[in-house]
Amino acid sequence: MSIISSTSHTASSTTTLSQRLGAAIGASILGACLVYFAGFSHIEAVHNAAHDTRHSAAFPCH
């Protein structure tokens, strides 16, 4: 029989609003770049890998 114990962490987060906002904006830009790379790529392997996802999201690829 095992005993599961949980420990409460009371340390406060030291990230500021500007740091979180910068991380969110950076992640959004990276995501948009990946989506547009896959959407407009003429590389057949990338096209085939993202083909069904593009059509399900109504993203034109042809």
PDB file of N, CA and C in Angstrom:
ATOM      1  N   MET A   1       0.848  -1.155   0.000  1.00  0.00           N
ATOM      2  CA  MET A   1       0.000   0.000   0.000  1.00  0.00           C
ATOM      3  C   MET A   1       0.902   1.229   0.000  1.00  0.00           C
ATOM      4  N   SER A   2       0.574   2.198  -0.829  1.00  0.00           N
ATOM      5  CA  SER A   2       1.379   3.417  -0.879  1.00  0.00           C
ATOM      6  C   SER A   2       0.570   4.587  -0.349  1.00  0.00           C
ATOM      7  N   ILE A   3       1.288   5.503   0.213  1.00  0.00           N
ATOM      8  CA  ILE A   3       0.667   6.706   0.765  1.00  0.00           C
ATOM      9  C   ILE A   3       1.062   7.878  -0.126  1.00  0.00           C
ATOM     10  N   ILE A   4       0.069   8.594  -0.595  1.00  0.00           N
ATOM     11  CA  ILE A   4       0.312   9.749  -1.445  1.00  0.00           C
ATOM     12  C   ILE A   4       0.134  10.994  -0.595  1.00  0.00           C
ATOM     13  N   SER A   5       1.146  11.800  -0.558  1.00  0.00           N
ATOM     14  CA  SER A   5       1.039  13.044   0.198  1.00  0.00           C
ATOM     15  C   SER A   5       1.268  14.210  -0.740  1.00  0.00           C
ATOM     16  N   SER A   6       0.589  15.277  -0.471  1.00  0.00           N
ATOM     17  CA  SER A   6       0.770  16.474  -1.288  1.00  0.00           C
ATOM     18  C   SER A   6       1.384  17.568  -0.432  1.00  0.00           C
ATOM     19  N   THR A   7       2.245  18.319  -1.050  1.00  0.00           N
ATOM     20  CA  THR A   7       2.906  19.405  -0.352  1.00  0.00           C
ATOM     21  C   THR A   7       2.411  20.712  -0.928  1.00  0.00           C
ATOM     22  N   SER A   8       2.044  21.607  -0.080  1.00  0.00           N
ATOM     23  CA  SER A   8       1.563  22.897  -0.532  1.00  0.00           C
ATOM     24  C   SER A   8       2.752  23.829  -0.717  1.00  0.00           C
ATOM     25  N   HIS A   9       2.854  24.385  -1.905  1.00  0.00           N
ATOM     26  CA  HIS A   9       3.917  25.338  -2.198  1.00  0.00           C
ATOM     27  C   HIS A   9       3.347  26.744  -2.035  1.00  0.00           C
ATOM     28  N   THR A  10       3.960  27.513  -1.177  1.00  0.00           N
ATOM     29  CA  THR A  10       3.464  28.860  -0.933  1.00  0.00           C
ATOM     30  C   THR A  10       4.375  29.922  -1.521  1.00  0.00           C
ATOM     31  N   ALA A  11       5.373  29.530  -2.296  1.00  0.00           N
ATOM     32  CA  ALA A  11       6.267  30.511  -2.902  1.00  0.00           C
ATOM     33  C   ALA A  11       5.504  31.287  -3.968  1.00  0.00           C
ATOM     34  N   SER A  12       5.643  32.587  -3.941  1.00  0.00           N
ATOM     35  CA  SER A  12       4.919  33.412  -4.900  1.00  0.00           C
ATOM     36  C   SER A  12       5.678  33.470  -6.217  1.00  0.00           C
ATOM     37  N   SER A  13       4.941  33.641  -7.270  1.00  0.00           N
ATOM     38  CA  SER A  13       5.532  33.721  -8.594  1.00  0.00           C
ATOM     39  C   SER A  13       6.210  35.075  -8.763  1.00  0.00           C
ATOM     40  N   THR A  14       7.398  35.059  -9.348  1.00  0.00           N
ATOM     41  CA  THR A  14       8.137  36.306  -9.509  1.00  0.00           C
ATOM     42  C   THR A  14       8.084  36.836 -10.930  1.00  0.00           C
ATOM     43  N   THR A  15       7.267  36.221 -11.797  1.00  0.00           N
ATOM     44  CA  THR A  15       7.156  36.725 -13.160  1.00  0.00           C
ATOM     45  C   THR A  15       6.245  37.940 -13.169  1.00  0.00           C
ATOM     46  N   THR A  16       6.653  38.927 -13.918  1.00  0.00           N
ATOM     47  CA  THR A  16       5.865  40.145 -14.003  1.00  0.00           C
ATOM     48  C   THR A  16       4.884  40.048 -15.166  1.00  0.00           C
ATOM     49  N   LEU A  17       3.976  40.976 -15.197  1.00  0.00           N
ATOM     50  CA  LEU A  17       2.989  41.005 -16.271  1.00  0.00           C
ATOM     51  C   LEU A  17       3.674  41.194 -17.624  1.00  0.00           C
ATOM     52  N   SER A  18       4.681  42.033 -17.686  1.00  0.00           N
ATOM     53  CA  SER A  18       5.365  42.259 -18.960  1.00  0.00           C
ATOM     54  C   SER A  18       6.103  41.005 -19.427  1.00  0.00           C
ATOM     55  N   GLN A  19       6.639  40.201 -18.506  1.00  0.00           N
ATOM     56  CA  GLN A  19       7.294  38.958 -18.886  1.00  0.00           C
ATOM     57  C   GLN A  19       6.280  37.954 -19.428  1.00  0.00           C
ATOM     58  N   ARG A  20       5.148  37.848 -18.774  1.00  0.00           N
ATOM     59  CA  ARG A  20       4.108  36.933 -19.254  1.00  0.00           C
ATOM     60  C   ARG A  20       3.550  37.388 -20.589  1.00  0.00           C
ATOM     61  N   LEU A  21       3.373  38.695 -20.754  1.00  0.00           N
ATOM     62  CA  LEU A  21       2.870  39.229 -22.013  1.00  0.00           C
ATOM     63  C   LEU A  21       3.880  38.988 -23.128  1.00  0.00           C
ATOM     64  N   GLY A  22       5.155  39.172 -22.850  1.00  0.00           N
ATOM     65  CA  GLY A  22       6.193  38.911 -23.844  1.00  0.00           C
ATOM     66  C   GLY A  22       6.225  37.454 -24.252  1.00  0.00           C
ATOM     67  N   ALA A  23       6.078  36.555 -23.289  1.00  0.00           N
ATOM     68  CA  ALA A  23       6.051  35.127 -23.598  1.00  0.00           C
ATOM     69  C   ALA A  23       4.826  34.770 -24.436  1.00  0.00           C
ATOM     70  N   ALA A  24       3.686  35.356 -24.122  1.00  0.00           N
ATOM     71  CA  ALA A  24       2.466  35.083 -24.883  1.00  0.00           C
ATOM     72  C   ALA A  24       2.574  35.601 -26.315  1.00  0.00           C
ATOM     73  N   ILE A  25       3.137  36.782 -26.477  1.00  0.00           N
ATOM     74  CA  ILE A  25       3.297  37.346 -27.816  1.00  0.00           C
ATOM     75  C   ILE A  25       4.304  36.517 -28.616  1.00  0.00           C
ATOM     76  N   GLY A  26       5.395  36.120 -27.983  1.00  0.00           N
ATOM     77  CA  GLY A  26       6.388  35.283 -28.659  1.00  0.00           C
ATOM     78  C   GLY A  26       5.814  33.948 -29.093  1.00  0.00           C
ATOM     79  N   ALA A  27       5.029  33.329 -28.227  1.00  0.00           N
ATOM     80  CA  ALA A  27       4.405  32.051 -28.573  1.00  0.00           C
ATOM     81  C   ALA A  27       3.400  32.219 -29.701  1.00  0.00           C
ATOM     82  N   SER A  28       2.672  33.320 -29.706  1.00  0.00           N
ATOM     83  CA  SER A  28       1.707  33.577 -30.773  1.00  0.00           C
ATOM     84  C   SER A  28       2.398  33.778 -32.112  1.00  0.00           C
ATOM     85  N   ILE A  29       3.505  34.520 -32.109  1.00  0.00           N
ATOM     86  CA  ILE A  29       4.245  34.742 -33.348  1.00  0.00           C
ATOM     87  C   ILE A  29       4.828  33.433 -33.864  1.00  0.00           C
ATOM     88  N   LEU A  30       5.401  32.640 -32.978  1.00  0.00           N
ATOM     89  CA  LEU A  30       5.943  31.343 -33.381  1.00  0.00           C
ATOM     90  C   LEU A  30       4.848  30.445 -33.958  1.00  0.00           C
ATOM     91  N   GLY A  31       3.700  30.400 -33.310  1.00  0.00           N
ATOM     92  CA  GLY A  31       2.589  29.585 -33.796  1.00  0.00           C
ATOM     93  C   GLY A  31       2.093  30.042 -35.158  1.00  0.00           C
ATOM     94  N   ALA A  32       1.979  31.356 -35.342  1.00  0.00           N
ATOM     95  CA  ALA A  32       1.532  31.886 -36.630  1.00  0.00           C
ATOM     96  C   ALA A  32       2.539  31.546 -37.730  1.00  0.00           C
ATOM     97  N   CYS A  33       3.826  31.654 -37.419  1.00  0.00           N
ATOM     98  CA  CYS A  33       4.856  31.310 -38.407  1.00  0.00           C
ATOM     99  C   CYS A  33       4.760  29.837 -38.802  1.00  0.00           C
ATOM    100  N   LEU A  34       4.546  28.960 -37.836  1.00  0.00           N
ATOM    101  CA  LEU A  34       4.428  27.533 -38.142  1.00  0.00           C
ATOM    102  C   LEU A  34       3.193  27.232 -38.983  1.00  0.00           C
ATOM    103  N   VAL A  35       2.081  27.875 -38.658  1.00  0.00           N
ATOM    104  CA  VAL A  35       0.846  27.648 -39.416  1.00  0.00           C
ATOM    105  C   VAL A  35       1.008  28.128 -40.853  1.00  0.00           C
ATOM    106  N   TYR A  36       1.558  29.328 -41.032  1.00  0.00           N
ATOM    107  CA  TYR A  36       1.712  29.841 -42.384  1.00  0.00           C
ATOM    108  C   TYR A  36       2.788  29.103 -43.165  1.00  0.00           C
ATOM    109  N   PHE A  37       3.824  28.619 -42.488  1.00  0.00           N
ATOM    110  CA  PHE A  37       4.831  27.805 -43.177  1.00  0.00           C
ATOM    111  C   PHE A  37       4.190  26.533 -43.724  1.00  0.00           C
ATOM    112  N   ALA A  38       3.403  25.865 -42.896  1.00  0.00           N
ATOM    113  CA  ALA A  38       2.753  24.630 -43.344  1.00  0.00           C
ATOM    114  C   ALA A  38       1.680  24.924 -44.382  1.00  0.00           C
ATOM    115  N   GLY A  39       1.019  26.059 -44.251  1.00  0.00           N
ATOM    116  CA  GLY A  39      -0.072  26.384 -45.168  1.00  0.00           C
ATOM    117  C   GLY A  39       0.380  26.760 -46.562  1.00  0.00           C
ATOM    118  N   PHE A  40       1.501  27.459 -46.652  1.00  0.00           N
ATOM    119  CA  PHE A  40       1.945  27.944 -47.955  1.00  0.00           C
ATOM    120  C   PHE A  40       3.204  27.245 -48.451  1.00  0.00           C
ATOM    121  N   SER A  41       3.586  26.168 -47.823  1.00  0.00           N
ATOM    122  CA  SER A  41       4.796  25.456 -48.214  1.00  0.00           C
ATOM    123  C   SER A  41       4.579  24.691 -49.509  1.00  0.00           C
ATOM    124  N   HIS A  42       5.595  24.716 -50.355  1.00  0.00           N
ATOM    125  CA  HIS A  42       5.550  23.936 -51.586  1.00  0.00           C
ATOM    126  C   HIS A  42       6.330  22.635 -51.432  1.00  0.00           C
ATOM    127  N   ILE A  43       6.841  22.371 -50.238  1.00  0.00           N
ATOM    128  CA  ILE A  43       7.534  21.122 -49.964  1.00  0.00           C
ATOM    129  C   ILE A  43       6.479  20.031 -49.818  1.00  0.00           C
ATOM    130  N   GLU A  44       6.562  18.999 -50.614  1.00  0.00           N
ATOM    131  CA  GLU A  44       5.514  17.975 -50.641  1.00  0.00           C
ATOM    132  C   GLU A  44       5.346  17.260 -49.307  1.00  0.00           C
ATOM    133  N   ALA A  45       6.442  17.001 -48.591  1.00  0.00           N
ATOM    134  CA  ALA A  45       6.333  16.304 -47.304  1.00  0.00           C
ATOM    135  C   ALA A  45       5.566  17.144 -46.284  1.00  0.00           C
ATOM    136  N   VAL A  46       5.820  18.442 -46.276  1.00  0.00           N
ATOM    137  CA  VAL A  46       5.100  19.330 -45.349  1.00  0.00           C
ATOM    138  C   VAL A  46       3.641  19.428 -45.770  1.00  0.00           C
ATOM    139  N   HIS A  47       3.419  19.535 -47.071  1.00  0.00           N
ATOM    140  CA  HIS A  47       2.052  19.619 -47.578  1.00  0.00           C
ATOM    141  C   HIS A  47       1.244  18.381 -47.198  1.00  0.00           C
ATOM    142  N   ASN A  48       1.812  17.214 -47.416  1.00  0.00           N
ATOM    143  CA  ASN A  48       1.095  15.975 -47.108  1.00  0.00           C
ATOM    144  C   ASN A  48       0.881  15.798 -45.612  1.00  0.00           C
ATOM    145  N   ALA A  49       1.820  16.238 -44.798  1.00  0.00           N
ATOM    146  CA  ALA A  49       1.683  16.088 -43.346  1.00  0.00           C
ATOM    147  C   ALA A  49       0.558  16.960 -42.801  1.00  0.00           C
ATOM    148  N   ALA A  50       0.349  18.118 -43.406  1.00  0.00           N
ATOM    149  CA  ALA A  50      -0.647  19.052 -42.869  1.00  0.00           C
ATOM    150  C   ALA A  50      -1.921  19.107 -43.703  1.00  0.00           C
ATOM    151  N   HIS A  51      -2.024  18.272 -44.728  1.00  0.00           N
ATOM    152  CA  HIS A  51      -3.123  18.376 -45.686  1.00  0.00           C
ATOM    153  C   HIS A  51      -4.504  18.230 -45.047  1.00  0.00           C
ATOM    154  N   ASP A  52      -4.737  17.169 -44.318  1.00  0.00           N
ATOM    155  CA  ASP A  52      -6.054  16.945 -43.732  1.00  0.00           C
ATOM    156  C   ASP A  52      -6.397  17.996 -42.689  1.00  0.00           C
ATOM    157  N   THR A  53      -5.405  18.418 -41.916  1.00  0.00           N
ATOM    158  CA  THR A  53      -5.649  19.449 -40.901  1.00  0.00           C
ATOM    159  C   THR A  53      -6.020  20.764 -41.569  1.00  0.00           C
ATOM    160  N   ARG A  54      -5.361  21.086 -42.651  1.00  0.00           N
ATOM    161  CA  ARG A  54      -5.678  22.331 -43.364  1.00  0.00           C
ATOM    162  C   ARG A  54      -7.105  22.318 -43.883  1.00  0.00           C
ATOM    163  N   HIS A  55      -7.512  21.218 -44.485  1.00  0.00           N
ATOM    164  CA  HIS A  55      -8.871  21.160 -45.009  1.00  0.00           C
ATOM    165  C   HIS A  55      -9.905  21.195 -43.887  1.00  0.00           C
ATOM    166  N   SER A  56      -9.634  20.578 -42.770  1.00  0.00           N
ATOM    167  CA  SER A  56     -10.599  20.608 -41.664  1.00  0.00           C
ATOM    168  C   SER A  56     -10.707  21.990 -41.054  1.00  0.00           C
ATOM    169  N   ALA A  57      -9.657  22.814 -41.193  1.00  0.00           N
ATOM    170  CA  ALA A  57      -9.680  24.174 -40.661  1.00  0.00           C
ATOM    171  C   ALA A  57     -10.079  25.194 -41.742  1.00  0.00           C
ATOM    172  N   ALA A  58     -10.501  24.721 -42.924  1.00  0.00           N
ATOM    173  CA  ALA A  58     -10.909  25.552 -44.049  1.00  0.00           C
ATOM    174  C   ALA A  58      -9.779  26.456 -44.510  1.00  0.00           C
ATOM    175  N   PHE A  59      -8.541  25.957 -44.450  1.00  0.00           N
ATOM    176  CA  PHE A  59      -7.365  26.701 -44.906  1.00  0.00           C
ATOM    177  C   PHE A  59      -7.060  26.247 -46.322  1.00  0.00           C
ATOM    178  N   PRO A  60      -7.065  27.165 -47.294  1.00  0.00           N
ATOM    179  CA  PRO A  60      -6.844  26.741 -48.674  1.00  0.00           C
ATOM    180  C   PRO A  60      -5.423  26.268 -48.910  1.00  0.00           C
ATOM    181  N   CYS A  61      -5.280  25.196 -49.658  1.00  0.00           N
ATOM    182  CA  CYS A  61      -3.936  24.695 -49.945  1.00  0.00           C
ATOM    183  C   CYS A  61      -3.768  24.358 -51.412  1.00  0.00           C
ATOM    184  N   HIS A  62      -4.796  24.489 -52.214  1.00  0.00           N
ATOM    185  CA  HIS A  62      -4.670  24.173 -53.639  1.00  0.00           C
ATOM    186  C   HIS A  62      -5.027  25.415 -54.429  1.00  0.00           C
TER     187      HIS A  62
END
